[in-house]
Amino acid sequence: MRPNAMTAFVLISASLASGAGLATTPRPLPGKHAKSGLTCFDCHRNENPTQAAVAEDSCMVCHGDYAAMAAYTKHLPINPHDPPKKEKHPGPFPCTDCHHQHKAPEVKCLECHTDFKLKAPL
């Protein structure tokens, strides 16, 4: 388990033990987040998540910052988390531009690079 994931696990466990973060889930979480026992509050930081966007730092609690994700995905032929440092090249993008939890993921890179073979996991 990555250090950031361990920190998140401890924080989430403490939150659940204290009764905080027990928002109802109107739409189930997919895959790994559900198996990890996350609740709506853990990402949305709000008891009424239907009205709250996910803050960028919510993702980074478990997954690390942009540099950590770039290192994690460096084995890919095209690293979506490490955009070129060229003038006028966009990015990095907010995590939620590609990774959605309640609808299909998108790949922001494909808006310009239609020939890339990339898929965004949930």
PDB file of N, CA and C in Angstrom:
ATOM      1  N   MET A   1       0.849  -1.170   0.000  1.00  0.00           N
ATOM      2  CA  MET A   1       0.000   0.000   0.000  1.00  0.00           C
ATOM      3  C   MET A   1       0.896   1.234   0.000  1.00  0.00           C
ATOM      4  N   ARG A   2       0.574   2.211  -0.849  1.00  0.00           N
ATOM      5  CA  ARG A   2       1.344   3.439  -0.912  1.00  0.00           C
ATOM      6  C   ARG A   2       1.151   4.241   0.382  1.00  0.00           C
ATOM      7  N   PRO A   3       2.159   5.043   0.792  1.00  0.00           N
ATOM      8  CA  PRO A   3       2.043   5.827   2.025  1.00  0.00           C
ATOM      9  C   PRO A   3       0.801   6.711   2.048  1.00  0.00           C
ATOM     10  N   ASN A   4       0.486   7.349   0.941  1.00  0.00           N
ATOM     11  CA  ASN A   4      -0.701   8.206   0.912  1.00  0.00           C
ATOM     12  C   ASN A   4      -1.967   7.399   1.099  1.00  0.00           C
ATOM     13  N   ALA A   5      -1.989   6.198   0.560  1.00  0.00           N
ATOM     14  CA  ALA A   5      -3.154   5.335   0.716  1.00  0.00           C
ATOM     15  C   ALA A   5      -3.306   4.927   2.175  1.00  0.00           C
ATOM     16  N   MET A   6      -2.195   4.669   2.851  1.00  0.00           N
ATOM     17  CA  MET A   6      -2.255   4.303   4.263  1.00  0.00           C
ATOM     18  C   MET A   6      -2.792   5.470   5.086  1.00  0.00           C
ATOM     19  N   THR A   7      -2.340   6.671   4.801  1.00  0.00           N
ATOM     20  CA  THR A   7      -2.829   7.854   5.506  1.00  0.00           C
ATOM     21  C   THR A   7      -4.328   8.006   5.300  1.00  0.00           C
ATOM     22  N   ALA A   8      -4.771   7.848   4.071  1.00  0.00           N
ATOM     23  CA  ALA A   8      -6.204   7.962   3.771  1.00  0.00           C
ATOM     24  C   ALA A   8      -6.987   6.892   4.507  1.00  0.00           C
ATOM     25  N   PHE A   9      -6.458   5.685   4.544  1.00  0.00           N
ATOM     26  CA  PHE A   9      -7.128   4.583   5.228  1.00  0.00           C
ATOM     27  C   PHE A   9      -7.317   4.913   6.702  1.00  0.00           C
ATOM     28  N   VAL A  10      -6.273   5.433   7.317  1.00  0.00           N
ATOM     29  CA  VAL A  10      -6.354   5.787   8.741  1.00  0.00           C
ATOM     30  C   VAL A  10      -7.380   6.893   8.950  1.00  0.00           C
ATOM     31  N   LEU A  11      -7.346   7.930   8.111  1.00  0.00           N
ATOM     32  CA  LEU A  11      -8.292   9.033   8.251  1.00  0.00           C
ATOM     33  C   LEU A  11      -9.732   8.585   8.037  1.00  0.00           C
ATOM     34  N   ILE A  12      -9.941   7.760   7.031  1.00  0.00           N
ATOM     35  CA  ILE A  12     -11.291   7.270   6.737  1.00  0.00           C
ATOM     36  C   ILE A  12     -11.780   6.374   7.862  1.00  0.00           C
ATOM     37  N   SER A  13     -10.914   5.508   8.370  1.00  0.00           N
ATOM     38  CA  SER A  13     -11.284   4.624   9.470  1.00  0.00           C
ATOM     39  C   SER A  13     -11.693   5.428  10.699  1.00  0.00           C
ATOM     40  N   ALA A  14     -10.909   6.461  11.012  1.00  0.00           N
ATOM     41  CA  ALA A  14     -11.229   7.306  12.158  1.00  0.00           C
ATOM     42  C   ALA A  14     -12.552   8.019  11.946  1.00  0.00           C
ATOM     43  N   SER A  15     -12.781   8.489  10.734  1.00  0.00           N
ATOM     44  CA  SER A  15     -14.014   9.176  10.401  1.00  0.00           C
ATOM     45  C   SER A  15     -15.218   8.254  10.573  1.00  0.00           C
ATOM     46  N   LEU A  16     -15.102   7.037  10.076  1.00  0.00           N
ATOM     47  CA  LEU A  16     -16.205   6.087  10.181  1.00  0.00           C
ATOM     48  C   LEU A  16     -16.440   5.659  11.622  1.00  0.00           C
ATOM     49  N   ALA A  17     -15.361   5.480  12.365  1.00  0.00           N
ATOM     50  CA  ALA A  17     -15.485   5.077  13.766  1.00  0.00           C
ATOM     51  C   ALA A  17     -16.192   6.151  14.583  1.00  0.00           C
ATOM     52  N   SER A  18     -15.998   7.406  14.240  1.00  0.00           N
ATOM     53  CA  SER A  18     -16.619   8.501  14.975  1.00  0.00           C
ATOM     54  C   SER A  18     -18.037   8.786  14.496  1.00  0.00           C
ATOM     55  N   GLY A  19     -18.462   8.115  13.427  1.00  0.00           N
ATOM     56  CA  GLY A  19     -19.806   8.314  12.906  1.00  0.00           C
ATOM     57  C   GLY A  19     -19.881   9.383  11.834  1.00  0.00           C
ATOM     58  N   ALA A  20     -18.771  10.049  11.553  1.00  0.00           N
ATOM     59  CA  ALA A  20     -18.756  11.071  10.513  1.00  0.00           C
ATOM     60  C   ALA A  20     -18.654  10.407   9.151  1.00  0.00           C
ATOM     61  N   GLY A  21     -19.095  11.094   8.135  1.00  0.00           N
ATOM     62  CA  GLY A  21     -18.921  10.595   6.785  1.00  0.00           C
ATOM     63  C   GLY A  21     -19.882   9.485   6.400  1.00  0.00           C
ATOM     64  N   LEU A  22     -21.011   9.394   7.092  1.00  0.00           N
ATOM     65  CA  LEU A  22     -21.939   8.312   6.794  1.00  0.00           C
ATOM     66  C   LEU A  22     -23.076   8.781   5.903  1.00  0.00           C
ATOM     67  N   ALA A  23     -22.761   9.569   4.923  1.00  0.00           N
ATOM     68  CA  ALA A  23     -23.774  10.044   3.984  1.00  0.00           C
ATOM     69  C   ALA A  23     -24.347   8.862   3.214  1.00  0.00           C
ATOM     70  N   THR A  24     -25.626   8.950   2.909  1.00  0.00           N
ATOM     71  CA  THR A  24     -26.222   7.885   2.116  1.00  0.00           C
ATOM     72  C   THR A  24     -25.682   7.958   0.699  1.00  0.00           C
ATOM     73  N   THR A  25     -25.676   6.838   0.019  1.00  0.00           N
ATOM     74  CA  THR A  25     -25.128   6.781  -1.331  1.00  0.00           C
ATOM     75  C   THR A  25     -26.258   6.577  -2.323  1.00  0.00           C
ATOM     76  N   PRO A  26     -26.737   7.653  -2.956  1.00  0.00           N
ATOM     77  CA  PRO A  26     -27.826   7.504  -3.910  1.00  0.00           C
ATOM     78  C   PRO A  26     -27.375   6.782  -5.177  1.00  0.00           C
ATOM     79  N   ARG A  27     -26.102   6.907  -5.528  1.00  0.00           N
ATOM     80  CA  ARG A  27     -25.555   6.218  -6.686  1.00  0.00           C
ATOM     81  C   ARG A  27     -24.333   5.448  -6.216  1.00  0.00           C
ATOM     82  N   PRO A  28     -24.308   4.153  -6.424  1.00  0.00           N
ATOM     83  CA  PRO A  28     -23.194   3.362  -5.901  1.00  0.00           C
ATOM     84  C   PRO A  28     -21.864   3.705  -6.553  1.00  0.00           C
ATOM     85  N   LEU A  29     -20.820   3.567  -5.762  1.00  0.00           N
ATOM     86  CA  LEU A  29     -19.466   3.767  -6.274  1.00  0.00           C
ATOM     87  C   LEU A  29     -19.015   2.520  -7.014  1.00  0.00           C
ATOM     88  N   PRO A  30     -18.245   2.687  -8.068  1.00  0.00           N
ATOM     89  CA  PRO A  30     -17.728   1.525  -8.781  1.00  0.00           C
ATOM     90  C   PRO A  30     -16.450   0.982  -8.136  1.00  0.00           C
ATOM     91  N   GLY A  31     -16.153  -0.235  -8.466  1.00  0.00           N
ATOM     92  CA  GLY A  31     -14.899  -0.905  -8.213  1.00  0.00           C
ATOM     93  C   GLY A  31     -14.127  -0.635  -6.950  1.00  0.00           C
ATOM     94  N   LYS A  32     -12.900  -0.171  -7.146  1.00  0.00           N
ATOM     95  CA  LYS A  32     -11.942  -0.060  -6.054  1.00  0.00           C
ATOM     96  C   LYS A  32     -12.391   0.870  -4.941  1.00  0.00           C
ATOM     97  N   HIS A  33     -13.048   1.952  -5.266  1.00  0.00           N
ATOM     98  CA  HIS A  33     -13.486   2.874  -4.220  1.00  0.00           C
ATOM     99  C   HIS A  33     -14.537   2.222  -3.334  1.00  0.00           C
ATOM    100  N   ALA A  34     -15.459   1.490  -3.916  1.00  0.00           N
ATOM    101  CA  ALA A  34     -16.476   0.801  -3.128  1.00  0.00           C
ATOM    102  C   ALA A  34     -15.834  -0.275  -2.250  1.00  0.00           C
ATOM    103  N   LYS A  35     -14.915  -1.039  -2.811  1.00  0.00           N
ATOM    104  CA  LYS A  35     -14.242  -2.098  -2.049  1.00  0.00           C
ATOM    105  C   LYS A  35     -13.409  -1.524  -0.908  1.00  0.00           C
ATOM    106  N   SER A  36     -12.937  -0.289  -1.072  1.00  0.00           N
ATOM    107  CA  SER A  36     -12.150   0.366  -0.020  1.00  0.00           C
ATOM    108  C   SER A  36     -13.033   0.922   1.090  1.00  0.00           C
ATOM    109  N   GLY A  37     -14.341   0.862   0.901  1.00  0.00           N
ATOM    110  CA  GLY A  37     -15.264   1.322   1.928  1.00  0.00           C
ATOM    111  C   GLY A  37     -15.460   2.830   1.967  1.00  0.00           C
ATOM    112  N   LEU A  38     -15.142   3.521   0.867  1.00  0.00           N
ATOM    113  CA  LEU A  38     -15.326   4.963   0.837  1.00  0.00           C
ATOM    114  C   LEU A  38     -16.804   5.320   0.825  1.00  0.00           C
ATOM    115  N   THR A  39     -17.107   6.459   1.391  1.00  0.00           N
ATOM    116  CA  THR A  39     -18.470   6.985   1.360  1.00  0.00           C
ATOM    117  C   THR A  39     -18.479   8.257   0.520  1.00  0.00           C
ATOM    118  N   CYS A  40     -19.638   8.777   0.241  1.00  0.00           N
ATOM    119  CA  CYS A  40     -19.755  10.017  -0.534  1.00  0.00           C
ATOM    120  C   CYS A  40     -18.952  11.137   0.128  1.00  0.00           C
ATOM    121  N   PHE A  41     -19.067  11.241   1.448  1.00  0.00           N
ATOM    122  CA  PHE A  41     -18.408  12.315   2.180  1.00  0.00           C
ATOM    123  C   PHE A  41     -16.894  12.276   2.012  1.00  0.00           C
ATOM    124  N   ASP A  42     -16.313  11.094   1.898  1.00  0.00           N
ATOM    125  CA  ASP A  42     -14.860  10.968   1.804  1.00  0.00           C
ATOM    126  C   ASP A  42     -14.281  11.743   0.632  1.00  0.00           C
ATOM    127  N   CYS A  43     -14.977  11.815  -0.464  1.00  0.00           N
ATOM    128  CA  CYS A  43     -14.487  12.550  -1.639  1.00  0.00           C
ATOM    129  C   CYS A  43     -15.116  13.932  -1.767  1.00  0.00           C
ATOM    130  N   HIS A  44     -16.420  14.013  -1.538  1.00  0.00           N
ATOM    131  CA  HIS A  44     -17.141  15.277  -1.730  1.00  0.00           C
ATOM    132  C   HIS A  44     -16.962  16.251  -0.572  1.00  0.00           C
ATOM    133  N   ARG A  45     -16.612  15.741   0.611  1.00  0.00           N
ATOM    134  CA  ARG A  45     -16.452  16.566   1.815  1.00  0.00           C
ATOM    135  C   ARG A  45     -17.724  17.346   2.121  1.00  0.00           C
ATOM    136  N   ASN A  46     -18.844  16.681   1.909  1.00  0.00           N
ATOM    137  CA  ASN A  46     -20.131  17.324   2.097  1.00  0.00           C
ATOM    138  C   ASN A  46     -21.145  16.246   2.408  1.00  0.00           C
ATOM    139  N   GLU A  47     -22.066  16.528   3.313  1.00  0.00           N
ATOM    140  CA  GLU A  47     -23.105  15.560   3.658  1.00  0.00           C
ATOM    141  C   GLU A  47     -24.158  15.426   2.554  1.00  0.00           C
ATOM    142  N   ASN A  48     -24.228  16.411   1.659  1.00  0.00           N
ATOM    143  CA  ASN A  48     -25.193  16.388   0.570  1.00  0.00           C
ATOM    144  C   ASN A  48     -24.431  16.426  -0.748  1.00  0.00           C
ATOM    145  N   PRO A  49     -23.796  15.310  -1.141  1.00  0.00           N
ATOM    146  CA  PRO A  49     -22.894  15.336  -2.291  1.00  0.00           C
ATOM    147  C   PRO A  49     -23.548  15.607  -3.635  1.00  0.00           C
ATOM    148  N   THR A  50     -24.864  15.528  -3.725  1.00  0.00           N
ATOM    149  CA  THR A  50     -25.486  15.822  -5.010  1.00  0.00           C
ATOM    150  C   THR A  50     -25.285  17.285  -5.383  1.00  0.00           C
ATOM    151  N   GLN A  51     -24.919  18.106  -4.408  1.00  0.00           N
ATOM    152  CA  GLN A  51     -24.708  19.528  -4.658  1.00  0.00           C
ATOM    153  C   GLN A  51     -23.237  19.931  -4.550  1.00  0.00           C
ATOM    154  N   ALA A  52     -22.338  18.968  -4.378  1.00  0.00           N
ATOM    155  CA  ALA A  52     -20.934  19.315  -4.153  1.00  0.00           C
ATOM    156  C   ALA A  52     -20.013  18.601  -5.138  1.00  0.00           C
ATOM    157  N   ALA A  53     -19.187  19.384  -5.807  1.00  0.00           N
ATOM    158  CA  ALA A  53     -18.174  18.801  -6.684  1.00  0.00           C
ATOM    159  C   ALA A  53     -17.051  18.212  -5.825  1.00  0.00           C
ATOM    160  N   VAL A  54     -16.276  17.330  -6.405  1.00  0.00           N
ATOM    161  CA  VAL A  54     -15.143  16.747  -5.696  1.00  0.00           C
ATOM    162  C   VAL A  54     -13.954  17.698  -5.827  1.00  0.00           C
ATOM    163  N   ALA A  55     -13.394  18.090  -4.706  1.00  0.00           N
ATOM    164  CA  ALA A  55     -12.215  18.965  -4.710  1.00  0.00           C
ATOM    165  C   ALA A  55     -10.998  18.168  -5.169  1.00  0.00           C
ATOM    166  N   GLU A  56     -10.102  18.822  -5.876  1.00  0.00           N
ATOM    167  CA  GLU A  56      -8.901  18.163  -6.404  1.00  0.00           C
ATOM    168  C   GLU A  56      -8.085  17.485  -5.318  1.00  0.00           C
ATOM    169  N   ASP A  57      -7.970  18.143  -4.157  1.00  0.00           N
ATOM    170  CA  ASP A  57      -7.154  17.550  -3.096  1.00  0.00           C
ATOM    171  C   ASP A  57      -7.779  16.307  -2.497  1.00  0.00           C
ATOM    172  N   SER A  58      -9.061  16.063  -2.735  1.00  0.00           N
ATOM    173  CA  SER A  58      -9.678  14.818  -2.265  1.00  0.00           C
ATOM    174  C   SER A  58      -9.048  13.608  -2.949  1.00  0.00           C
ATOM    175  N   CYS A  59      -8.794  13.714  -4.237  1.00  0.00           N
ATOM    176  CA  CYS A  59      -8.153  12.621  -4.981  1.00  0.00           C
ATOM    177  C   CYS A  59      -6.732  12.397  -4.485  1.00  0.00           C
ATOM    178  N   MET A  60      -6.057  13.501  -4.202  1.00  0.00           N
ATOM    179  CA  MET A  60      -4.639  13.445  -3.861  1.00  0.00           C
ATOM    180  C   MET A  60      -4.376  12.860  -2.472  1.00  0.00           C
ATOM    181  N   VAL A  61      -5.390  12.827  -1.616  1.00  0.00           N
ATOM    182  CA  VAL A  61      -5.221  12.215  -0.298  1.00  0.00           C
ATOM    183  C   VAL A  61      -4.778  10.767  -0.460  1.00  0.00           C
ATOM    184  N   CYS A  62      -5.407  10.047  -1.364  1.00  0.00           N
ATOM    185  CA  CYS A  62      -5.079   8.630  -1.566  1.00  0.00           C
ATOM    186  C   CYS A  62      -4.095   8.394  -2.710  1.00  0.00           C
ATOM    187  N   HIS A  63      -4.249   9.146  -3.787  1.00  0.00           N
ATOM    188  CA  HIS A  63      -3.496   8.868  -5.011  1.00  0.00           C
ATOM    189  C   HIS A  63      -2.211   9.668  -5.160  1.00  0.00           C
ATOM    190  N   GLY A  64      -1.977  10.631  -4.298  1.00  0.00           N
ATOM    191  CA  GLY A  64      -0.777  11.453  -4.403  1.00  0.00           C
ATOM    192  C   GLY A  64      -0.988  12.615  -5.352  1.00  0.00           C
ATOM    193  N   ASP A  65       0.033  13.465  -5.457  1.00  0.00           N
ATOM    194  CA  ASP A  65      -0.063  14.644  -6.307  1.00  0.00           C
ATOM    195  C   ASP A  65       0.230  14.284  -7.767  1.00  0.00           C
ATOM    196  N   TYR A  66       0.304  15.306  -8.614  1.00  0.00           N
ATOM    197  CA  TYR A  66       0.529  15.067 -10.043  1.00  0.00           C
ATOM    198  C   TYR A  66       1.851  14.334 -10.295  1.00  0.00           C
ATOM    199  N   ALA A  67       2.883  14.705  -9.570  1.00  0.00           N
ATOM    200  CA  ALA A  67       4.183  14.045  -9.756  1.00  0.00           C
ATOM    201  C   ALA A  67       4.104  12.567  -9.375  1.00  0.00           C
ATOM    202  N   ALA A  68       3.377  12.254  -8.317  1.00  0.00           N
ATOM    203  CA  ALA A  68       3.229  10.854  -7.901  1.00  0.00           C
ATOM    204  C   ALA A  68       2.467  10.049  -8.954  1.00  0.00           C
ATOM    205  N   MET A  69       1.423  10.635  -9.521  1.00  0.00           N
ATOM    206  CA  MET A  69       0.664   9.922 -10.551  1.00  0.00           C
ATOM    207  C   MET A  69       1.476   9.775 -11.834  1.00  0.00           C
ATOM    208  N   ALA A  70       2.277  10.784 -12.172  1.00  0.00           N
ATOM    209  CA  ALA A  70       3.144  10.694 -13.352  1.00  0.00           C
ATOM    210  C   ALA A  70       4.144   9.551 -13.173  1.00  0.00           C
ATOM    211  N   ALA A  71       4.691   9.416 -11.972  1.00  0.00           N
ATOM    212  CA  ALA A  71       5.630   8.322 -11.697  1.00  0.00           C
ATOM    213  C   ALA A  71       4.918   6.968 -11.740  1.00  0.00           C
ATOM    214  N   TYR A  72       3.688   6.920 -11.223  1.00  0.00           N
ATOM    215  CA  TYR A  72       2.916   5.678 -11.184  1.00  0.00           C
ATOM    216  C   TYR A  72       2.569   5.171 -12.591  1.00  0.00           C
ATOM    217  N   THR A  73       2.352   6.099 -13.536  1.00  0.00           N
ATOM    218  CA  THR A  73       1.945   5.723 -14.894  1.00  0.00           C
ATOM    219  C   THR A  73       3.069   5.893 -15.918  1.00  0.00           C
ATOM    220  N   LYS A  74       4.298   5.990 -15.456  1.00  0.00           N
ATOM    221  CA  LYS A  74       5.429   6.219 -16.367  1.00  0.00           C
ATOM    222  C   LYS A  74       5.676   5.049 -17.311  1.00  0.00           C
ATOM    223  N   HIS A  75       5.158   3.868 -16.994  1.00  0.00           N
ATOM    224  CA  HIS A  75       5.352   2.690 -17.845  1.00  0.00           C
ATOM    225  C   HIS A  75       4.471   2.718 -19.102  1.00  0.00           C
ATOM    226  N   LEU A  76       3.484   3.600 -19.141  1.00  0.00           N
ATOM    227  CA  LEU A  76       2.592   3.667 -20.301  1.00  0.00           C
ATOM    228  C   LEU A  76       3.321   4.278 -21.496  1.00  0.00           C
ATOM    229  N   PRO A  77       2.987   3.839 -22.715  1.00  0.00           N
ATOM    230  CA  PRO A  77       3.634   4.411 -23.904  1.00  0.00           C
ATOM    231  C   PRO A  77       3.438   5.923 -24.003  1.00  0.00           C
ATOM    232  N   ILE A  78       2.277   6.407 -23.585  1.00  0.00           N
ATOM    233  CA  ILE A  78       1.974   7.839 -23.512  1.00  0.00           C
ATOM    234  C   ILE A  78       1.483   8.074 -22.092  1.00  0.00           C
ATOM    235  N   ASN A  79       2.210   8.874 -21.346  1.00  0.00           N
ATOM    236  CA  ASN A  79       1.860   9.081 -19.938  1.00  0.00           C
ATOM    237  C   ASN A  79       0.876  10.248 -19.807  1.00  0.00           C
ATOM    238  N   PRO A  80      -0.400   9.949 -19.547  1.00  0.00           N
ATOM    239  CA  PRO A  80      -1.395  11.018 -19.481  1.00  0.00           C
ATOM    240  C   PRO A  80      -1.214  11.937 -18.275  1.00  0.00           C
ATOM    241  N   HIS A  81      -0.469  11.499 -17.275  1.00  0.00           N
ATOM    242  CA  HIS A  81      -0.261  12.306 -16.079  1.00  0.00           C
ATOM    243  C   HIS A  81       1.015  13.142 -16.141  1.00  0.00           C
ATOM    244  N   ASP A  82       1.707  13.088 -17.264  1.00  0.00           N
ATOM    245  CA  ASP A  82       2.936  13.855 -17.442  1.00  0.00           C
ATOM    246  C   ASP A  82       2.915  14.525 -18.816  1.00  0.00           C
ATOM    247  N   PRO A  83       2.060  15.561 -18.974  1.00  0.00           N
ATOM    248  CA  PRO A  83       1.958  16.215 -20.285  1.00  0.00           C
ATOM    249  C   PRO A  83       3.261  16.908 -20.645  1.00  0.00           C
ATOM    250  N   PRO A  84       3.517  17.055 -21.934  1.00  0.00           N
ATOM    251  CA  PRO A  84       4.744  17.745 -22.372  1.00  0.00           C
ATOM    252  C   PRO A  84       4.817  19.157 -21.795  1.00  0.00           C
ATOM    253  N   LYS A  85       6.011  19.574 -21.463  1.00  0.00           N
ATOM    254  CA  LYS A  85       6.224  20.918 -20.917  1.00  0.00           C
ATOM    255  C   LYS A  85       6.521  21.887 -22.058  1.00  0.00           C
ATOM    256  N   LYS A  86       5.642  21.906 -23.042  1.00  0.00           N
ATOM    257  CA  LYS A  86       5.795  22.791 -24.195  1.00  0.00           C
ATOM    258  C   LYS A  86       4.877  23.994 -24.019  1.00  0.00           C
ATOM    259  N   GLU A  87       5.313  25.117 -24.584  1.00  0.00           N
ATOM    260  CA  GLU A  87       4.469  26.296 -24.542  1.00  0.00           C
ATOM    261  C   GLU A  87       3.152  26.001 -25.264  1.00  0.00           C
ATOM    262  N   LYS A  88       2.078  26.416 -24.687  1.00  0.00           N
ATOM    263  CA  LYS A  88       0.718  26.272 -25.214  1.00  0.00           C
ATOM    264  C   LYS A  88       0.145  24.865 -25.110  1.00  0.00           C
ATOM    265  N   HIS A  89       0.902  23.895 -24.570  1.00  0.00           N
ATOM    266  CA  HIS A  89       0.325  22.563 -24.373  1.00  0.00           C
ATOM    267  C   HIS A  89      -0.426  22.586 -23.048  1.00  0.00           C
ATOM    268  N   PRO A  90      -1.715  22.217 -23.066  1.00  0.00           N
ATOM    269  CA  PRO A  90      -2.505  22.284 -21.833  1.00  0.00           C
ATOM    270  C   PRO A  90      -2.101  21.200 -20.831  1.00  0.00           C
ATOM    271  N   GLY A  91      -2.546  21.389 -19.625  1.00  0.00           N
ATOM    272  CA  GLY A  91      -2.341  20.400 -18.578  1.00  0.00           C
ATOM    273  C   GLY A  91      -1.327  20.877 -17.564  1.00  0.00           C
ATOM    274  N   PRO A  92      -1.276  20.216 -16.447  1.00  0.00           N
ATOM    275  CA  PRO A  92      -2.085  19.049 -16.103  1.00  0.00           C
ATOM    276  C   PRO A  92      -3.547  19.446 -15.861  1.00  0.00           C
ATOM    277  N   PHE A  93      -4.417  18.501 -16.103  1.00  0.00           N
ATOM    278  CA  PHE A  93      -5.846  18.714 -15.936  1.00  0.00           C
ATOM    279  C   PHE A  93      -6.301  18.232 -14.564  1.00  0.00           C
ATOM    280  N   PRO A  94      -7.389  18.764 -14.049  1.00  0.00           N
ATOM    281  CA  PRO A  94      -7.950  18.234 -12.807  1.00  0.00           C
ATOM    282  C   PRO A  94      -8.296  16.750 -12.984  1.00  0.00           C
ATOM    283  N   CYS A  95      -8.107  15.979 -11.942  1.00  0.00           N
ATOM    284  CA  CYS A  95      -8.371  14.530 -12.000  1.00  0.00           C
ATOM    285  C   CYS A  95      -9.764  14.223 -12.545  1.00  0.00           C
ATOM    286  N   THR A  96     -10.740  15.019 -12.093  1.00  0.00           N
ATOM    287  CA  THR A  96     -12.129  14.749 -12.460  1.00  0.00           C
ATOM    288  C   THR A  96     -12.475  15.103 -13.893  1.00  0.00           C
ATOM    289  N   ASP A  97     -11.537  15.687 -14.647  1.00  0.00           N
ATOM    290  CA  ASP A  97     -11.771  15.890 -16.079  1.00  0.00           C
ATOM    291  C   ASP A  97     -11.805  14.548 -16.810  1.00  0.00           C
ATOM    292  N   CYS A  98     -11.087  13.576 -16.303  1.00  0.00           N
ATOM    293  CA  CYS A  98     -11.035  12.252 -16.938  1.00  0.00           C
ATOM    294  C   CYS A  98     -11.708  11.173 -16.092  1.00  0.00           C
ATOM    295  N   HIS A  99     -11.427  11.190 -14.800  1.00  0.00           N
ATOM    296  CA  HIS A  99     -11.894  10.134 -13.901  1.00  0.00           C
ATOM    297  C   HIS A  99     -13.183  10.554 -13.224  1.00  0.00           C
ATOM    298  N   HIS A 100     -14.267   9.861 -13.583  1.00  0.00           N
ATOM    299  CA  HIS A 100     -15.589  10.116 -12.999  1.00  0.00           C
ATOM    300  C   HIS A 100     -15.992   8.872 -12.223  1.00  0.00           C
ATOM    301  N   GLN A 101     -16.714   9.052 -11.148  1.00  0.00           N
ATOM    302  CA  GLN A 101     -17.115   7.901 -10.353  1.00  0.00           C
ATOM    303  C   GLN A 101     -18.545   7.463 -10.624  1.00  0.00           C
ATOM    304  N   HIS A 102     -19.359   8.338 -11.131  1.00  0.00           N
ATOM    305  CA  HIS A 102     -20.764   8.001 -11.334  1.00  0.00           C
ATOM    306  C   HIS A 102     -21.168   7.986 -12.802  1.00  0.00           C
ATOM    307  N   LYS A 103     -20.186   8.106 -13.687  1.00  0.00           N
ATOM    308  CA  LYS A 103     -20.426   7.977 -15.121  1.00  0.00           C
ATOM    309  C   LYS A 103     -19.131   7.506 -15.772  1.00  0.00           C
ATOM    310  N   ALA A 104     -19.189   7.169 -17.025  1.00  0.00           N
ATOM    311  CA  ALA A 104     -18.019   6.630 -17.732  1.00  0.00           C
ATOM    312  C   ALA A 104     -16.869   7.627 -17.741  1.00  0.00           C
ATOM    313  N   PRO A 105     -15.640   7.134 -17.618  1.00  0.00           N
ATOM    314  CA  PRO A 105     -14.482   8.033 -17.670  1.00  0.00           C
ATOM    315  C   PRO A 105     -14.254   8.561 -19.082  1.00  0.00           C
ATOM    316  N   GLU A 106     -13.506   9.633 -19.181  1.00  0.00           N
ATOM    317  CA  GLU A 106     -13.136  10.241 -20.455  1.00  0.00           C
ATOM    318  C   GLU A 106     -11.626  10.411 -20.477  1.00  0.00           C
ATOM    319  N   VAL A 107     -11.070  10.585 -21.646  1.00  0.00           N
ATOM    320  CA  VAL A 107      -9.639  10.873 -21.756  1.00  0.00           C
ATOM    321  C   VAL A 107      -9.497  12.236 -22.412  1.00  0.00           C
ATOM    322  N   LYS A 108      -9.141  13.220 -21.615  1.00  0.00           N
ATOM    323  CA  LYS A 108      -9.017  14.601 -22.080  1.00  0.00           C
ATOM    324  C   LYS A 108      -8.033  14.716 -23.249  1.00  0.00           C
ATOM    325  N   CYS A 109      -6.962  13.907 -23.223  1.00  0.00           N
ATOM    326  CA  CYS A 109      -5.939  13.950 -24.288  1.00  0.00           C
ATOM    327  C   CYS A 109      -6.537  13.679 -25.669  1.00  0.00           C
ATOM    328  N   LEU A 110      -7.595  12.851 -25.715  1.00  0.00           N
ATOM    329  CA  LEU A 110      -8.181  12.454 -26.993  1.00  0.00           C
ATOM    330  C   LEU A 110      -8.922  13.592 -27.694  1.00  0.00           C
ATOM    331  N   GLU A 111      -9.167  14.687 -26.985  1.00  0.00           N
ATOM    332  CA  GLU A 111      -9.810  15.837 -27.632  1.00  0.00           C
ATOM    333  C   GLU A 111      -8.920  16.392 -28.743  1.00  0.00           C
ATOM    334  N   CYS A 112      -7.605  16.309 -28.553  1.00  0.00           N
ATOM    335  CA  CYS A 112      -6.654  16.792 -29.567  1.00  0.00           C
ATOM    336  C   CYS A 112      -5.904  15.645 -30.245  1.00  0.00           C
ATOM    337  N   HIS A 113      -5.587  14.629 -29.475  1.00  0.00           N
ATOM    338  CA  HIS A 113      -4.779  13.510 -29.971  1.00  0.00           C
ATOM    339  C   HIS A 113      -5.678  12.303 -30.236  1.00  0.00           C
ATOM    340  N   THR A 114      -6.416  12.340 -31.321  1.00  0.00           N
ATOM    341  CA  THR A 114      -7.385  11.284 -31.620  1.00  0.00           C
ATOM    342  C   THR A 114      -6.722   9.947 -31.930  1.00  0.00           C
ATOM    343  N   ASP A 115      -5.420   9.949 -32.221  1.00  0.00           N
ATOM    344  CA  ASP A 115      -4.722   8.708 -32.549  1.00  0.00           C
ATOM    345  C   ASP A 115      -4.150   8.007 -31.309  1.00  0.00           C
ATOM    346  N   PHE A 116      -4.204   8.650 -30.133  1.00  0.00           N
ATOM    347  CA  PHE A 116      -3.681   8.020 -28.919  1.00  0.00           C
ATOM    348  C   PHE A 116      -4.555   6.831 -28.531  1.00  0.00           C
ATOM    349  N   LYS A 117      -3.938   5.816 -28.002  1.00  0.00           N
ATOM    350  CA  LYS A 117      -4.663   4.637 -27.520  1.00  0.00           C
ATOM    351  C   LYS A 117      -4.633   4.682 -25.989  1.00  0.00           C
ATOM    352  N   LEU A 118      -5.515   5.470 -25.433  1.00  0.00           N
ATOM    353  CA  LEU A 118      -5.577   5.635 -23.970  1.00  0.00           C
ATOM    354  C   LEU A 118      -6.999   5.366 -23.473  1.00  0.00           C
ATOM    355  N   LYS A 119      -7.075   4.792 -22.289  1.00  0.00           N
ATOM    356  CA  LYS A 119      -8.351   4.597 -21.604  1.00  0.00           C
ATOM    357  C   LYS A 119      -8.170   5.066 -20.179  1.00  0.00           C
ATOM    358  N   ALA A 120      -9.167   5.738 -19.638  1.00  0.00           N
ATOM    359  CA  ALA A 120      -9.115   6.188 -18.260  1.00  0.00           C
ATOM    360  C   ALA A 120      -9.881   5.200 -17.390  1.00  0.00           C
ATOM    361  N   PRO A 121      -9.223   4.664 -16.367  1.00  0.00           N
ATOM    362  CA  PRO A 121      -9.967   3.813 -15.438  1.00  0.00           C
ATOM    363  C   PRO A 121     -10.890   4.663 -14.571  1.00  0.00           C
ATOM    364  N   LEU A 122     -11.832   4.023 -13.946  1.00  0.00           N
ATOM    365  CA  LEU A 122     -12.762   4.753 -13.065  1.00  0.00           C
ATOM    366  C   LEU A 122     -12.060   5.385 -11.944  1.00  0.00           C
TER     367      LEU A 122
END
